[in-house]
N, C-alpha and C. Protein backbone atom coordinates (compact mmCIF):
# COMPACT_ATOMS: atom_id res chain seq x y z
N PRO A 1 112.66 -4.38 -210.90
CA PRO A 1 111.93 -5.01 -209.99
C PRO A 1 112.97 -5.14 -209.37
N GLY A 2 112.76 -4.81 -207.82
CA GLY A 2 113.45 -5.48 -206.64
C GLY A 2 112.58 -5.05 -205.60
N THR A 3 112.84 -5.42 -203.90
CA THR A 3 112.20 -5.79 -202.53
C THR A 3 113.37 -4.96 -201.70
N ALA A 4 114.85 -5.26 -201.91
CA ALA A 4 115.50 -5.57 -201.53
C ALA A 4 116.10 -3.90 -200.83
N LEU A 5 114.90 -3.31 -201.00
CA LEU A 5 115.37 -1.43 -200.38
C LEU A 5 114.28 -1.19 -199.60
N THR A 6 115.25 -0.97 -198.58
CA THR A 6 115.30 -0.81 -196.96
C THR A 6 113.50 -0.31 -197.06
N VAL A 7 112.71 -0.84 -196.55
CA VAL A 7 111.57 0.03 -195.80
C VAL A 7 111.70 0.83 -194.91
N THR A 8 111.68 2.08 -194.52
CA THR A 8 111.87 3.10 -193.00
C THR A 8 110.28 4.15 -193.41
N PRO A 9 110.43 4.68 -192.01
CA PRO A 9 109.41 5.43 -192.01
C PRO A 9 109.93 6.80 -191.89
N GLN A 10 110.90 6.96 -193.03
CA GLN A 10 111.41 7.97 -193.55
C GLN A 10 112.77 8.01 -193.99
N ALA A 11 111.97 8.54 -195.62
CA ALA A 11 113.12 8.09 -197.21
C ALA A 11 113.15 9.54 -197.27
N THR A 12 113.64 9.21 -199.28
CA THR A 12 114.04 11.24 -199.66
C THR A 12 114.22 9.97 -200.82
N TRP A 13 113.23 9.65 -202.21
CA TRP A 13 113.22 9.80 -203.48
C TRP A 13 114.23 10.38 -204.36
N GLU A 14 114.63 10.74 -205.34
CA GLU A 14 114.59 11.15 -206.47
C GLU A 14 115.90 11.26 -207.87
N ALA A 15 115.53 12.08 -208.47
CA ALA A 15 115.74 11.28 -209.59
C ALA A 15 116.15 13.33 -210.56
N TRP A 16 117.01 12.34 -211.90
CA TRP A 16 117.25 13.31 -212.78
C TRP A 16 116.51 12.98 -214.03
N ILE A 17 115.04 14.08 -214.61
CA ILE A 17 114.49 13.09 -215.75
C ILE A 17 114.75 13.98 -216.54
N LEU A 18 114.29 14.22 -218.23
CA LEU A 18 113.84 14.71 -218.95
C LEU A 18 112.92 14.04 -219.81
N LEU A 19 111.24 14.88 -219.69
CA LEU A 19 110.65 14.05 -220.39
C LEU A 19 110.37 14.91 -222.36
N MET A 20 110.33 13.72 -222.62
CA MET A 20 110.58 14.05 -224.24
C MET A 20 108.82 14.15 -225.37
N VAL A 21 108.48 14.07 -224.19
CA VAL A 21 107.44 14.44 -224.75
C VAL A 21 106.13 14.53 -224.25
N GLU A 22 104.84 15.40 -224.35
CA GLU A 22 104.31 15.95 -223.74
C GLU A 22 103.14 14.49 -223.29
N PRO A 23 103.01 14.13 -222.08
CA PRO A 23 101.75 13.64 -221.12
C PRO A 23 100.56 13.58 -221.63
N GLN A 24 100.08 12.15 -221.87
CA GLN A 24 98.87 12.82 -222.25
C GLN A 24 98.03 12.66 -221.23
N GLN A 25 96.65 11.34 -221.73
CA GLN A 25 95.54 10.85 -220.78
C GLN A 25 96.39 10.02 -219.02
N GLU A 26 98.02 9.67 -220.01
CA GLU A 26 98.49 8.32 -219.09
C GLU A 26 99.45 9.47 -218.05
N VAL A 27 99.88 8.63 -217.14
CA VAL A 27 100.93 9.33 -216.21
C VAL A 27 101.81 8.13 -216.61
N MET A 28 103.53 9.53 -216.06
CA MET A 28 104.39 9.21 -216.47
C MET A 28 105.74 8.20 -215.00
N MET A 29 105.54 7.89 -215.34
CA MET A 29 105.88 6.89 -213.91
C MET A 29 107.51 6.79 -213.72
N ILE A 30 108.42 8.07 -212.10
CA ILE A 30 109.69 8.29 -212.32
C ILE A 30 110.19 7.17 -211.65
N VAL A 31 109.19 6.77 -210.19
CA VAL A 31 109.32 5.41 -209.47
C VAL A 31 108.51 5.30 -208.91
N ASP A 32 108.04 3.62 -208.24
CA ASP A 32 107.20 3.08 -208.63
C ASP A 32 106.67 2.54 -207.40
N ARG A 33 106.65 2.40 -206.52
CA ARG A 33 106.42 0.75 -204.72
C ARG A 33 104.83 1.10 -204.64
N PHE A 34 104.05 -0.16 -204.96
CA PHE A 34 102.65 0.15 -205.14
C PHE A 34 101.65 -1.31 -205.11
N VAL A 35 100.79 -1.28 -204.79
CA VAL A 35 100.50 -3.00 -204.64
C VAL A 35 99.28 -2.98 -205.28
N PHE A 36 98.09 -2.65 -206.18
CA PHE A 36 96.84 -2.60 -206.50
C PHE A 36 95.50 -3.11 -206.03
N ILE A 37 96.27 -4.18 -206.16
CA ILE A 37 95.46 -5.04 -205.48
C ILE A 37 94.91 -4.41 -204.12
N GLU A 38 96.28 -3.76 -202.38
CA GLU A 38 95.85 -3.79 -201.67
C GLU A 38 95.91 -1.95 -200.86
N ARG A 39 96.26 -1.50 -202.72
CA ARG A 39 95.67 -0.16 -202.76
C ARG A 39 97.35 1.12 -201.34
N GLU A 40 98.75 0.25 -201.49
CA GLU A 40 98.99 0.86 -200.64
C GLU A 40 100.74 1.30 -201.20
N GLY A 41 101.01 1.95 -201.29
CA GLY A 41 102.51 2.62 -201.83
C GLY A 41 102.54 3.54 -202.13
N ARG A 42 103.63 3.85 -202.59
CA ARG A 42 104.20 5.98 -202.34
C ARG A 42 104.80 5.63 -204.38
N ASN A 43 104.03 6.58 -204.58
CA ASN A 43 104.44 7.42 -205.92
C ASN A 43 105.39 8.43 -206.78
N LEU A 44 106.49 7.75 -207.52
CA LEU A 44 106.90 9.23 -207.90
C LEU A 44 106.83 10.16 -209.63
N TYR A 45 105.65 10.70 -210.30
CA TYR A 45 105.13 10.83 -211.83
C TYR A 45 104.81 12.10 -211.16
N VAL A 46 104.71 11.94 -213.03
CA VAL A 46 105.02 13.72 -213.93
C VAL A 46 103.40 12.80 -214.58
N LEU A 47 102.47 14.39 -213.84
CA LEU A 47 100.80 14.02 -214.37
C LEU A 47 101.07 14.78 -215.87
N PRO A 48 99.80 14.88 -216.86
CA PRO A 48 98.97 14.94 -217.98
C PRO A 48 98.85 16.69 -217.66
N GLY A 49 99.93 17.64 -218.37
CA GLY A 49 99.85 19.62 -218.31
C GLY A 49 101.50 19.48 -217.37
N ARG A 50 102.45 17.93 -217.48
CA ARG A 50 103.79 18.09 -217.28
C ARG A 50 104.23 18.60 -215.06
N HIS A 51 102.43 18.43 -214.77
CA HIS A 51 103.35 18.41 -212.87
C HIS A 51 103.51 17.32 -212.94
N VAL A 52 105.21 17.58 -211.61
CA VAL A 52 105.29 15.82 -211.00
C VAL A 52 104.14 15.75 -209.87
N GLN A 53 104.24 14.55 -209.24
CA GLN A 53 103.16 14.47 -207.89
C GLN A 53 103.75 13.20 -207.73
N ALA A 54 104.29 13.61 -205.53
CA ALA A 54 104.33 11.88 -205.13
C ALA A 54 103.50 12.00 -204.65
N THR A 55 103.16 11.02 -203.90
CA THR A 55 101.58 9.98 -203.15
C THR A 55 102.34 9.53 -202.89
N SER A 56 101.69 9.23 -201.32
CA SER A 56 101.86 8.08 -200.50
C SER A 56 100.21 7.38 -199.96
N THR A 57 100.17 5.96 -199.77
CA THR A 57 98.69 6.21 -199.91
C THR A 57 98.66 4.51 -198.98
N LEU A 58 97.60 4.55 -198.14
CA LEU A 58 96.73 3.72 -197.15
C LEU A 58 95.41 2.66 -197.38
N ASN A 59 95.64 2.10 -199.31
CA ASN A 59 93.67 2.33 -199.25
C ASN A 59 93.74 3.54 -199.54
N PRO A 60 92.35 3.30 -199.93
CA PRO A 60 91.60 4.06 -199.94
C PRO A 60 91.50 5.63 -199.55
N GLY A 61 91.41 5.45 -199.02
CA GLY A 61 91.27 6.11 -197.75
C GLY A 61 92.31 7.38 -196.99
N ILE A 62 92.89 6.87 -197.24
CA ILE A 62 94.58 7.25 -196.72
C ILE A 62 95.89 7.45 -197.40
N ARG A 63 95.47 9.39 -197.68
CA ARG A 63 96.21 9.54 -198.96
C ARG A 63 96.91 10.54 -199.03
N SER A 64 98.31 10.35 -198.91
CA SER A 64 98.94 12.18 -199.14
C SER A 64 99.06 12.31 -200.18
N GLU A 65 99.00 13.19 -200.81
CA GLU A 65 99.67 13.80 -202.35
C GLU A 65 100.22 15.46 -201.66
N VAL A 66 101.34 15.73 -203.37
CA VAL A 66 101.88 16.50 -203.08
C VAL A 66 101.76 16.76 -205.03
N THR A 67 101.40 18.76 -205.37
CA THR A 67 102.07 18.30 -206.88
C THR A 67 102.14 19.59 -207.43
N SER A 68 103.30 20.37 -207.73
CA SER A 68 104.35 20.74 -208.10
C SER A 68 103.38 21.85 -209.14
N PRO A 69 103.31 22.75 -208.59
CA PRO A 69 102.39 24.01 -208.93
C PRO A 69 102.07 24.77 -210.60
N PHE A 70 103.45 23.90 -211.42
CA PHE A 70 104.15 24.49 -212.33
C PHE A 70 104.18 23.64 -213.18
N PRO A 71 103.92 23.18 -214.44
CA PRO A 71 104.43 21.89 -215.65
C PRO A 71 106.76 21.51 -214.95
N ILE A 72 106.94 20.90 -215.71
CA ILE A 72 108.28 20.49 -216.28
C ILE A 72 108.71 20.97 -217.65
N PRO A 73 109.68 21.37 -217.62
CA PRO A 73 109.55 22.05 -219.23
C PRO A 73 110.16 20.01 -219.88
N LEU A 74 110.13 20.13 -221.67
CA LEU A 74 110.52 19.38 -221.96
C LEU A 74 111.54 19.05 -222.66
N GLY A 75 112.74 18.51 -222.77
CA GLY A 75 113.80 18.70 -223.32
C GLY A 75 114.98 18.89 -222.13
N GLU A 76 114.54 19.52 -220.19
CA GLU A 76 115.09 20.33 -220.42
C GLU A 76 115.97 19.09 -218.90
N TRP A 77 116.51 19.01 -218.42
CA TRP A 77 117.59 17.97 -217.25
C TRP A 77 116.74 18.79 -216.24
N VAL A 78 115.64 18.10 -215.83
CA VAL A 78 114.90 19.03 -214.27
C VAL A 78 115.41 17.56 -212.70
N HIS A 79 116.20 17.68 -211.81
CA HIS A 79 116.14 17.57 -210.76
C HIS A 79 114.85 17.48 -209.71
N VAL A 80 113.49 16.22 -209.56
CA VAL A 80 112.64 16.04 -208.76
C VAL A 80 113.69 15.01 -207.26
N ALA A 81 112.11 15.25 -206.07
CA ALA A 81 112.43 14.64 -205.44
C ALA A 81 111.24 14.62 -204.23
N ALA A 82 110.92 13.69 -203.82
CA ALA A 82 109.93 13.49 -202.96
C ALA A 82 110.77 13.04 -201.20
N THR A 83 110.31 13.84 -200.32
CA THR A 83 110.73 13.09 -199.19
C THR A 83 109.08 13.10 -198.18
N PHE A 84 109.00 11.61 -198.02
CA PHE A 84 108.74 10.60 -196.67
C PHE A 84 108.79 11.03 -194.67
N ASP A 85 108.44 11.70 -194.79
CA ASP A 85 108.84 11.92 -193.26
C ASP A 85 107.84 11.48 -191.78
N GLU A 86 107.03 10.52 -191.75
CA GLU A 86 106.19 9.22 -190.42
C GLU A 86 106.47 10.20 -189.36
N PRO A 87 107.66 9.83 -188.70
CA PRO A 87 107.14 10.66 -187.19
C PRO A 87 107.06 12.50 -187.23
N ASN A 88 107.63 12.81 -187.95
CA ASN A 88 106.53 14.81 -188.23
C ASN A 88 105.62 14.57 -189.13
N HIS A 89 105.69 13.72 -189.63
CA HIS A 89 103.64 13.66 -190.51
C HIS A 89 104.39 15.00 -191.39
N ARG A 90 104.77 14.29 -192.23
CA ARG A 90 105.49 15.44 -193.83
C ARG A 90 105.64 15.42 -194.56
N MET A 91 105.15 15.48 -195.44
CA MET A 91 105.40 15.21 -197.62
C MET A 91 105.92 16.41 -198.15
N GLN A 92 106.76 15.95 -198.40
CA GLN A 92 107.40 17.24 -199.33
C GLN A 92 107.63 16.62 -200.41
N LEU A 93 107.76 17.30 -201.81
CA LEU A 93 108.34 17.75 -202.91
C LEU A 93 108.86 19.46 -203.78
N LEU A 94 109.77 18.32 -204.16
CA LEU A 94 110.97 19.01 -204.23
C LEU A 94 111.88 18.88 -205.96
N VAL A 95 111.39 20.47 -206.72
CA VAL A 95 111.46 20.92 -208.05
C VAL A 95 112.67 21.65 -208.01
N ASN A 96 114.27 20.61 -208.88
CA ASN A 96 115.22 21.54 -208.44
C ASN A 96 116.03 21.94 -207.42
N GLY A 97 115.70 21.32 -206.05
CA GLY A 97 115.91 21.59 -204.98
C GLY A 97 115.10 22.56 -204.08
N VAL A 98 113.95 23.05 -204.86
CA VAL A 98 113.04 24.01 -203.95
C VAL A 98 111.16 23.19 -203.43
N VAL A 99 111.27 23.56 -202.21
CA VAL A 99 109.93 22.86 -202.65
C VAL A 99 109.42 23.53 -203.12
N VAL A 100 108.93 22.53 -203.57
CA VAL A 100 106.88 23.81 -203.71
C VAL A 100 106.10 22.34 -204.00
N ASP A 101 105.78 21.93 -203.06
CA ASP A 101 104.75 21.91 -202.27
C ASP A 101 104.72 21.12 -201.12
N GLU A 102 103.90 21.04 -199.76
CA GLU A 102 104.03 20.35 -199.10
C GLU A 102 102.86 19.68 -198.29
N VAL A 103 102.18 19.14 -197.44
CA VAL A 103 101.38 17.94 -197.34
C VAL A 103 101.93 16.68 -195.33
N PRO A 104 100.48 17.36 -195.22
CA PRO A 104 101.09 16.12 -194.01
C PRO A 104 100.42 14.77 -194.16
N LEU A 105 101.45 14.15 -193.64
CA LEU A 105 101.77 12.85 -194.28
C LEU A 105 101.33 12.19 -193.16
N SER A 106 99.93 11.33 -193.37
CA SER A 106 99.00 10.68 -193.23
C SER A 106 99.29 9.21 -192.97
N CYS A 107 100.32 8.93 -193.86
CA CYS A 107 100.55 7.41 -193.66
C CYS A 107 101.89 6.93 -193.41
N CYS A 108 102.11 5.68 -193.85
CA CYS A 108 102.44 4.38 -193.41
C CYS A 108 103.67 4.11 -193.75
N THR A 109 104.58 3.50 -193.20
CA THR A 109 105.96 2.93 -193.26
C THR A 109 105.10 1.94 -194.71
N LEU A 110 106.16 0.96 -195.27
CA LEU A 110 105.85 0.68 -196.62
C LEU A 110 106.45 -1.37 -196.06
N ARG A 111 106.01 -1.99 -196.03
CA ARG A 111 106.37 -3.50 -196.11
C ARG A 111 107.30 -4.12 -197.20
N PRO A 112 108.26 -4.69 -196.98
CA PRO A 112 109.16 -4.94 -197.37
C PRO A 112 108.91 -5.29 -198.70
N THR A 113 107.49 -5.73 -199.06
CA THR A 113 107.38 -7.15 -199.65
C THR A 113 106.63 -6.54 -201.29
N VAL A 114 106.75 -5.20 -201.42
CA VAL A 114 106.08 -4.14 -201.38
C VAL A 114 107.27 -3.59 -202.70
N PRO A 115 107.55 -4.36 -204.63
CA PRO A 115 107.91 -4.31 -205.10
C PRO A 115 108.31 -2.80 -206.29
N THR A 116 109.86 -2.54 -205.70
CA THR A 116 109.72 -1.00 -206.40
C THR A 116 110.08 -0.05 -208.02
N THR A 117 109.51 -0.34 -208.58
CA THR A 117 110.23 -0.25 -210.72
C THR A 117 110.38 1.37 -210.86
N ILE A 118 111.66 1.58 -211.54
CA ILE A 118 111.68 3.07 -212.61
C ILE A 118 111.44 2.72 -213.75
N GLY A 119 110.55 4.15 -213.87
CA GLY A 119 110.23 3.94 -215.27
C GLY A 119 109.08 3.82 -215.64
N ARG A 120 108.08 3.07 -215.07
CA ARG A 120 106.75 2.28 -215.20
C ARG A 120 106.22 1.84 -214.38
N SER A 121 105.11 1.48 -213.80
CA SER A 121 103.73 0.61 -213.41
C SER A 121 103.98 -0.17 -212.88
N ASN A 122 104.18 -0.75 -211.51
CA ASN A 122 105.47 -2.20 -210.90
C ASN A 122 103.04 -2.33 -211.04
N SER A 123 101.98 -2.07 -210.72
CA SER A 123 100.81 -2.51 -210.88
C SER A 123 100.01 -3.21 -212.12
N PHE A 124 100.68 -1.75 -213.30
CA PHE A 124 100.05 -2.16 -214.29
C PHE A 124 100.79 -2.66 -215.39
N TYR A 125 101.02 -2.99 -215.26
CA TYR A 125 102.53 -2.53 -216.07
C TYR A 125 103.00 -1.47 -217.31
N ALA A 126 102.37 -0.50 -217.00
CA ALA A 126 101.93 0.38 -217.87
C ALA A 126 102.30 1.67 -217.47
N ASP A 127 101.76 3.04 -217.50
CA ASP A 127 102.59 4.18 -217.17
C ASP A 127 104.05 4.32 -217.33
N TYR A 128 103.93 4.00 -219.01
CA TYR A 128 105.92 4.52 -218.68
C TYR A 128 106.22 5.58 -218.83
N PHE A 129 107.38 5.89 -218.44
CA PHE A 129 108.16 7.06 -218.54
C PHE A 129 108.55 8.01 -220.85
N HIS A 130 108.34 8.63 -220.38
CA HIS A 130 108.62 9.05 -222.15
C HIS A 130 109.92 9.37 -222.06
N GLY A 131 110.91 9.36 -221.91
CA GLY A 131 112.07 10.69 -221.84
C GLY A 131 113.02 10.12 -220.88
N LYS A 132 114.17 10.42 -220.29
CA LYS A 132 114.79 9.81 -219.78
C LYS A 132 115.01 10.20 -218.36
N ILE A 133 115.55 9.64 -217.24
CA ILE A 133 116.02 9.31 -216.18
C ILE A 133 117.50 8.37 -215.68
N ASP A 134 117.48 9.80 -214.67
CA ASP A 134 118.96 9.21 -214.51
C ASP A 134 119.12 9.11 -213.14
N GLU A 135 120.15 9.04 -212.59
CA GLU A 135 121.32 9.19 -211.41
C GLU A 135 119.71 8.57 -210.05
N VAL A 136 118.82 7.75 -210.37
CA VAL A 136 117.64 7.85 -208.80
C VAL A 136 117.98 7.59 -208.18
N ARG A 137 117.86 8.19 -207.48
CA ARG A 137 118.57 7.88 -205.38
C ARG A 137 117.26 7.90 -204.82
N ILE A 138 117.40 6.27 -203.41
CA ILE A 138 115.89 6.11 -202.51
C ILE A 138 116.64 6.25 -201.61
N SER A 139 117.06 7.13 -200.34
CA SER A 139 117.17 7.42 -199.59
C SER A 139 116.35 6.34 -198.04
N THR A 140 117.12 6.79 -196.67
CA THR A 140 116.36 5.75 -196.53
C THR A 140 116.67 6.67 -194.66
N THR A 141 116.69 8.09 -195.55
CA THR A 141 116.48 9.66 -194.63
C THR A 141 115.71 10.72 -195.40
N VAL A 142 115.15 11.68 -193.89
CA VAL A 142 115.26 12.38 -195.46
C VAL A 142 115.91 13.49 -195.43
N ARG A 143 116.69 13.28 -196.55
CA ARG A 143 117.32 14.74 -196.29
C ARG A 143 116.74 16.09 -196.78
N GLN A 144 118.03 16.61 -197.08
CA GLN A 144 117.91 18.25 -197.19
C GLN A 144 118.45 18.72 -198.53
N LEU A 145 118.18 19.18 -199.20
CA LEU A 145 118.43 19.22 -200.77
C LEU A 145 118.46 20.81 -201.13
N HIS A 146 119.69 21.91 -201.25
CA HIS A 146 119.61 22.61 -201.40
C HIS A 146 119.43 23.10 -203.05
N PRO A 147 118.82 24.10 -203.52
CA PRO A 147 119.12 25.07 -204.91
C PRO A 147 119.76 25.11 -205.57
N VAL A 148 121.32 25.11 -204.56
CA VAL A 148 122.20 25.94 -205.74
C VAL A 148 123.10 24.08 -206.05
N ALA A 149 123.29 23.04 -204.61
CA ALA A 149 123.57 21.61 -204.31
C ALA A 149 123.17 20.54 -204.58
N VAL A 150 122.15 20.88 -205.57
CA VAL A 150 121.81 20.06 -205.77
C VAL A 150 122.74 18.65 -206.37
N GLU A 151 123.56 19.20 -207.46
CA GLU A 151 124.34 18.54 -207.96
C GLU A 151 125.50 18.29 -207.56
N GLU A 152 125.70 19.08 -206.34
CA GLU A 152 127.61 18.75 -205.74
C GLU A 152 127.14 17.81 -204.32
N LYS A 153 126.05 17.35 -204.12
CA LYS A 153 125.70 16.78 -202.78
C LYS A 153 126.26 15.25 -202.72
N SER A 154 126.93 14.81 -201.69
CA SER A 154 127.44 13.54 -201.09
C SER A 154 126.45 12.40 -201.91
N TRP A 155 126.99 11.05 -202.11
CA TRP A 155 126.07 10.08 -202.69
C TRP A 155 126.45 9.23 -201.54
N GLY A 156 127.14 9.35 -200.40
CA GLY A 156 127.50 8.58 -198.97
C GLY A 156 127.04 7.21 -199.98
N ALA A 157 126.52 6.35 -198.61
CA ALA A 157 127.22 5.18 -199.03
C ALA A 157 126.08 4.47 -200.08
N VAL A 158 126.57 4.05 -200.72
CA VAL A 158 125.48 3.70 -201.81
C VAL A 158 125.62 2.85 -201.95
N LYS A 159 123.95 1.37 -201.64
CA LYS A 159 124.00 0.56 -201.67
C LYS A 159 123.59 0.21 -202.23
N ARG A 160 123.38 0.31 -203.47
CA ARG A 160 122.87 -0.95 -204.76
C ARG A 160 122.83 0.65 -206.21
N PHE A 161 123.15 -0.34 -207.44
CA PHE A 161 123.66 0.56 -208.81
C PHE A 161 122.76 -0.42 -209.29
N TRP A 162 121.00 0.83 -210.37
CA TRP A 162 120.93 -0.79 -211.29
C TRP A 162 121.28 0.50 -212.53
N ARG A 163 121.40 0.12 -213.86
CA ARG A 163 122.34 0.02 -215.37
C ARG A 163 121.88 -0.75 -215.58
N GLU A 164 121.70 -0.06 -217.00
CA GLU A 164 121.12 -0.62 -217.99
C GLU A 164 122.88 -2.06 -218.49
């Protein structure tokens, strides 16, 4: 967990994921920055049925979500990304560099005290990711990803690495 990440009106969250098991009744969190009591935050996770979803929430009444229309394969590395663009009121979900869903973004820059976790929910201490997560990247800009160049993009000025 960490709160040292800068909170900005524009962001891109991305990671390589390898699903090892079929999600059952719970979600499998990739990146979570959410406070349950205030109902505020952003998430990137895998739903039952292996669909990737990203959300941005401010209280129960203000929520934007994007969902992949197809399941993510088991046993295969997949690049997933979500972009949050408040100035342009747009949220996108990308799988392997291709936009698979886009919706209007309803709300708001997160408070800097909202913790960030990788591979589980920080609100429930559950929703564990059953597989592998690699090369998580949280950017303070909306990055343009391309299908052919997903692996070729420069990581730029890296602020912090998390390693086991």
